Amino acid sequence: MRDDDPPTDWDHFIAAEAEIKAAAVQLLRAVECGDAAAFREAATRVSGFDDCWNYALEEILRVQPSISPAIRREVLDTWAWQGRVMRCSAYGDGLLVDAMRHILGHYRGPARRLYRGERLAAYERGDIGIAWSKHRRVAEWFARWPEGGVVLETIAPPRAILGRVPSWSNGGLYLGEYLVDPRLLESVSVVR
């Protein structure tokens, strides 16, 4: 290939892959420095690429940086606005949960009765998400899928709870949201 040849699809793929990895490294550097403003900027950039949260979370788990309180707050705020993007981009909840456990640290509260609105098909596959609410009515709202949904209930033991999402992270909307490692739930029942 000559220098004046037009780029191929493969060249675009390689360039996009490099941009994704650069965005993930930018996010990691912000985490390592404890720079909340840089994290916000990097998170916006990361959310603009398919699969980029996957790379970013893998890097955080690989490096295991110290996490400042400011970064914990930013991660929770980012979750409130980009949680669905983060979950879809992370190649499964295992990576997301493991990274969130490192970022958020250990939960120091009691067991909680929590509810989740889940797609029926996801529940039947055993694919239960990490965002739960202490309010059944919130779960009922999230269970309103056109293709069918269920409301799940659990008593989440402290070791399964990753953290609580403060109401300020949801723009003042109080969801009573907790992030949970579904792999550590002892019992989940369908209540509707």
Protein backbone atom coordinates (compact mmCIF):
# COMPACT_ATOMS: atom_id res chain seq x y z
CA MET A 1 0.00 0.00 0.00
CA ARG A 2 1.33 3.43 -0.97
CA ASP A 3 1.11 6.48 1.29
CA ASP A 4 -1.35 8.15 -1.10
CA ASP A 5 -3.76 5.15 -1.16
CA PRO A 6 -7.13 5.82 0.51
CA PRO A 7 -7.57 4.25 3.95
CA THR A 8 -9.22 0.85 4.08
CA ASP A 9 -11.91 -0.32 6.48
CA TRP A 10 -9.14 -2.09 8.37
CA ASP A 11 -7.28 1.22 8.77
CA HIS A 12 -10.44 2.78 10.25
CA PHE A 13 -10.79 -0.16 12.63
CA ILE A 14 -7.18 0.17 13.79
CA ALA A 15 -7.58 3.94 14.27
CA ALA A 16 -10.83 3.47 16.23
CA GLU A 17 -9.21 0.80 18.41
CA ALA A 18 -6.33 3.18 19.18
CA GLU A 19 -8.80 5.95 20.12
CA ILE A 20 -10.71 3.58 22.41
CA LYS A 21 -7.54 2.50 24.19
CA ALA A 22 -6.37 6.13 24.49
CA ALA A 23 -9.70 7.11 26.08
CA ALA A 24 -9.43 4.18 28.52
CA VAL A 25 -5.89 5.21 29.48
CA GLN A 26 -7.05 8.83 29.95
CA LEU A 27 -9.71 7.57 32.38
CA LEU A 28 -7.18 5.43 34.25
CA ARG A 29 -4.79 8.39 34.58
CA ALA A 30 -7.60 10.54 36.01
CA VAL A 31 -8.37 7.80 38.54
CA GLU A 32 -4.70 7.45 39.49
CA CYS A 33 -4.37 11.24 39.99
CA GLY A 34 -7.66 11.53 41.87
CA ASP A 35 -8.68 14.33 39.48
CA ALA A 36 -12.49 14.46 39.45
CA ALA A 37 -12.71 16.99 36.59
CA ALA A 38 -10.36 14.92 34.42
CA PHE A 39 -12.38 11.79 35.29
CA ARG A 40 -15.61 13.51 34.19
CA GLU A 41 -14.02 14.53 30.89
CA ALA A 42 -12.54 11.07 30.34
CA ALA A 43 -15.82 9.33 31.25
CA THR A 44 -17.64 11.40 28.63
CA ARG A 45 -15.03 10.42 26.06
CA VAL A 46 -15.12 6.74 27.10
CA SER A 47 -18.93 6.66 26.88
CA GLY A 48 -18.70 7.81 23.26
CA PHE A 49 -17.14 4.53 22.11
CA ASP A 50 -18.63 1.05 21.98
CA ASP A 51 -16.68 -1.29 24.26
CA CYS A 52 -14.56 1.48 25.76
CA TRP A 53 -15.79 0.95 29.32
CA ASN A 54 -14.63 -2.63 28.90
CA TYR A 55 -11.06 -1.47 28.27
CA ALA A 56 -11.20 1.19 30.99
CA LEU A 57 -12.50 -1.20 33.65
CA GLU A 58 -9.98 -3.88 32.65
CA GLU A 59 -7.19 -1.31 33.08
CA ILE A 60 -8.48 -0.28 36.50
CA LEU A 61 -8.53 -3.92 37.59
CA ARG A 62 -5.09 -4.59 36.09
CA VAL A 63 -3.43 -1.58 37.75
CA GLN A 64 -5.49 -1.56 41.00
CA PRO A 65 -4.95 2.16 41.65
CA SER A 66 -5.80 3.84 44.94
CA ILE A 67 -9.22 5.45 44.70
CA SER A 68 -9.85 8.90 46.18
CA PRO A 69 -13.22 9.89 47.67
CA ALA A 70 -13.62 12.42 44.83
CA ILE A 71 -13.27 9.66 42.23
CA ARG A 72 -15.75 7.44 44.12
CA ARG A 73 -18.29 10.29 43.95
CA GLU A 74 -17.60 10.81 40.25
CA VAL A 75 -17.99 7.09 39.51
CA LEU A 76 -21.36 7.05 41.28
CA ASP A 77 -22.44 10.17 39.40
CA THR A 78 -21.29 8.65 36.12
CA TRP A 79 -23.19 5.46 36.98
CA ALA A 80 -26.38 7.47 37.53
CA TRP A 81 -26.18 8.97 34.03
CA GLN A 82 -24.24 6.32 32.10
CA GLY A 83 -24.93 3.07 33.95
CA ARG A 84 -26.69 1.46 31.02
CA VAL A 85 -23.84 2.43 28.68
CA MET A 86 -21.28 1.16 31.21
CA ARG A 87 -23.14 -2.13 31.62
CA CYS A 88 -23.56 -2.72 27.88
CA SER A 89 -19.94 -1.82 27.15
CA ALA A 90 -18.37 -3.91 29.91
CA TYR A 91 -18.84 -7.35 28.30
CA GLY A 92 -20.89 -8.61 31.18
CA ASP A 93 -21.55 -7.71 34.74
CA GLY A 94 -18.65 -9.74 36.16
CA LEU A 95 -16.06 -7.22 34.96
CA LEU A 96 -18.27 -4.28 35.93
CA VAL A 97 -18.94 -5.66 39.42
CA ASP A 98 -15.28 -6.48 40.04
CA ALA A 99 -14.20 -2.99 38.97
CA MET A 100 -16.95 -1.32 41.02
CA ARG A 101 -15.92 -3.34 44.07
CA HIS A 102 -12.36 -2.03 43.70
CA ILE A 103 -13.51 1.54 43.06
CA LEU A 104 -16.19 1.77 45.74
CA GLY A 105 -14.39 -0.21 48.43
CA HIS A 106 -16.18 -2.28 51.04
CA TYR A 107 -19.79 -1.58 51.94
CA ARG A 108 -20.15 -1.04 55.68
CA GLY A 109 -23.85 -1.31 56.25
CA PRO A 110 -26.51 -3.87 57.09
CA ALA A 111 -28.20 -6.38 54.81
CA ARG A 112 -30.91 -4.71 52.73
CA ARG A 113 -34.26 -5.79 51.29
CA LEU A 114 -33.93 -4.69 47.68
CA TYR A 115 -36.00 -4.84 44.51
CA ARG A 116 -35.16 -4.83 40.82
CA GLY A 117 -37.22 -4.45 37.71
CA GLU A 118 -35.81 -6.88 35.14
CA ARG A 119 -36.67 -7.93 31.62
CA LEU A 120 -38.42 -11.28 31.67
CA ALA A 121 -36.08 -12.75 29.04
CA ALA A 122 -33.00 -11.60 30.99
CA TYR A 123 -34.36 -13.12 34.19
CA GLU A 124 -35.11 -16.41 32.43
CA ARG A 125 -31.49 -16.48 31.16
CA GLY A 126 -30.24 -15.85 34.70
CA ASP A 127 -28.95 -12.43 33.66
CA ILE A 128 -29.74 -10.26 36.68
CA GLY A 129 -28.37 -6.72 36.73
CA ILE A 130 -26.49 -4.88 39.42
CA ALA A 131 -28.77 -1.86 40.02
CA TRP A 132 -31.38 -2.48 42.73
CA SER A 133 -33.68 -0.19 44.72
CA LYS A 134 -34.93 -0.25 48.26
CA HIS A 135 -38.31 0.86 46.86
CA ARG A 136 -40.57 -1.73 45.26
CA ARG A 137 -42.41 0.96 43.27
CA VAL A 138 -39.13 1.95 41.56
CA ALA A 139 -38.58 -1.70 40.56
CA GLU A 140 -42.17 -1.90 39.30
CA TRP A 141 -41.53 1.12 37.09
CA PHE A 142 -38.33 -0.44 35.69
CA ALA A 143 -40.16 -3.74 35.08
CA ARG A 144 -42.48 -2.12 32.55
CA TRP A 145 -40.82 -3.64 29.48
CA PRO A 146 -42.98 -3.99 26.35
CA GLU A 147 -41.74 -7.58 25.96
CA GLY A 148 -42.48 -8.36 29.61
CA GLY A 149 -40.80 -7.72 32.91
CA VAL A 150 -40.62 -9.02 36.45
CA VAL A 151 -40.06 -7.46 39.85
CA LEU A 152 -37.38 -9.24 41.82
CA GLU A 153 -36.84 -9.15 45.57
CA THR A 154 -33.83 -10.14 47.63
CA ILE A 155 -32.30 -9.67 51.02
CA ALA A 156 -28.83 -8.61 49.93
CA PRO A 157 -26.14 -9.56 52.45
CA PRO A 158 -23.52 -6.86 53.11
CA ARG A 159 -20.86 -8.78 51.15
CA ALA A 160 -23.08 -8.59 48.02
CA ILE A 161 -23.66 -4.83 48.26
CA LEU A 162 -21.14 -2.72 46.39
CA GLY A 163 -22.52 0.63 47.51
CA ARG A 164 -25.39 3.07 47.60
CA VAL A 165 -25.93 5.60 44.84
CA PRO A 166 -26.67 8.95 46.53
CA SER A 167 -29.75 10.81 45.35
CA TRP A 168 -27.60 13.70 44.12
CA SER A 169 -26.16 11.28 41.56
CA ASN A 170 -29.60 10.90 39.98
CA GLY A 171 -30.15 14.60 39.52
CA GLY A 172 -32.11 14.75 42.75
CA LEU A 173 -34.37 11.86 41.74
CA TYR A 174 -34.44 9.54 44.72
CA LEU A 175 -34.34 5.95 43.51
CA GLY A 176 -32.96 4.43 46.70
CA GLU A 177 -30.44 2.73 44.42
CA TYR A 178 -27.85 0.19 45.51
CA LEU A 179 -25.27 -1.54 43.35
CA VAL A 180 -25.17 -5.25 44.05
CA ASP A 181 -23.06 -8.22 42.98
CA PRO A 182 -25.79 -10.63 41.83
CA ARG A 183 -23.33 -13.53 42.06
CA LEU A 184 -23.39 -13.16 45.85
CA LEU A 185 -27.16 -13.02 46.33
CA GLU A 186 -28.34 -16.03 48.27
CA SER A 187 -31.96 -15.87 47.16
CA VAL A 188 -33.87 -13.91 44.54
CA SER A 189 -37.62 -14.25 44.19
CA VAL A 190 -40.13 -12.92 41.69
CA VAL A 191 -42.75 -10.82 43.47
CA ARG A 192 -44.57 -9.64 40.33
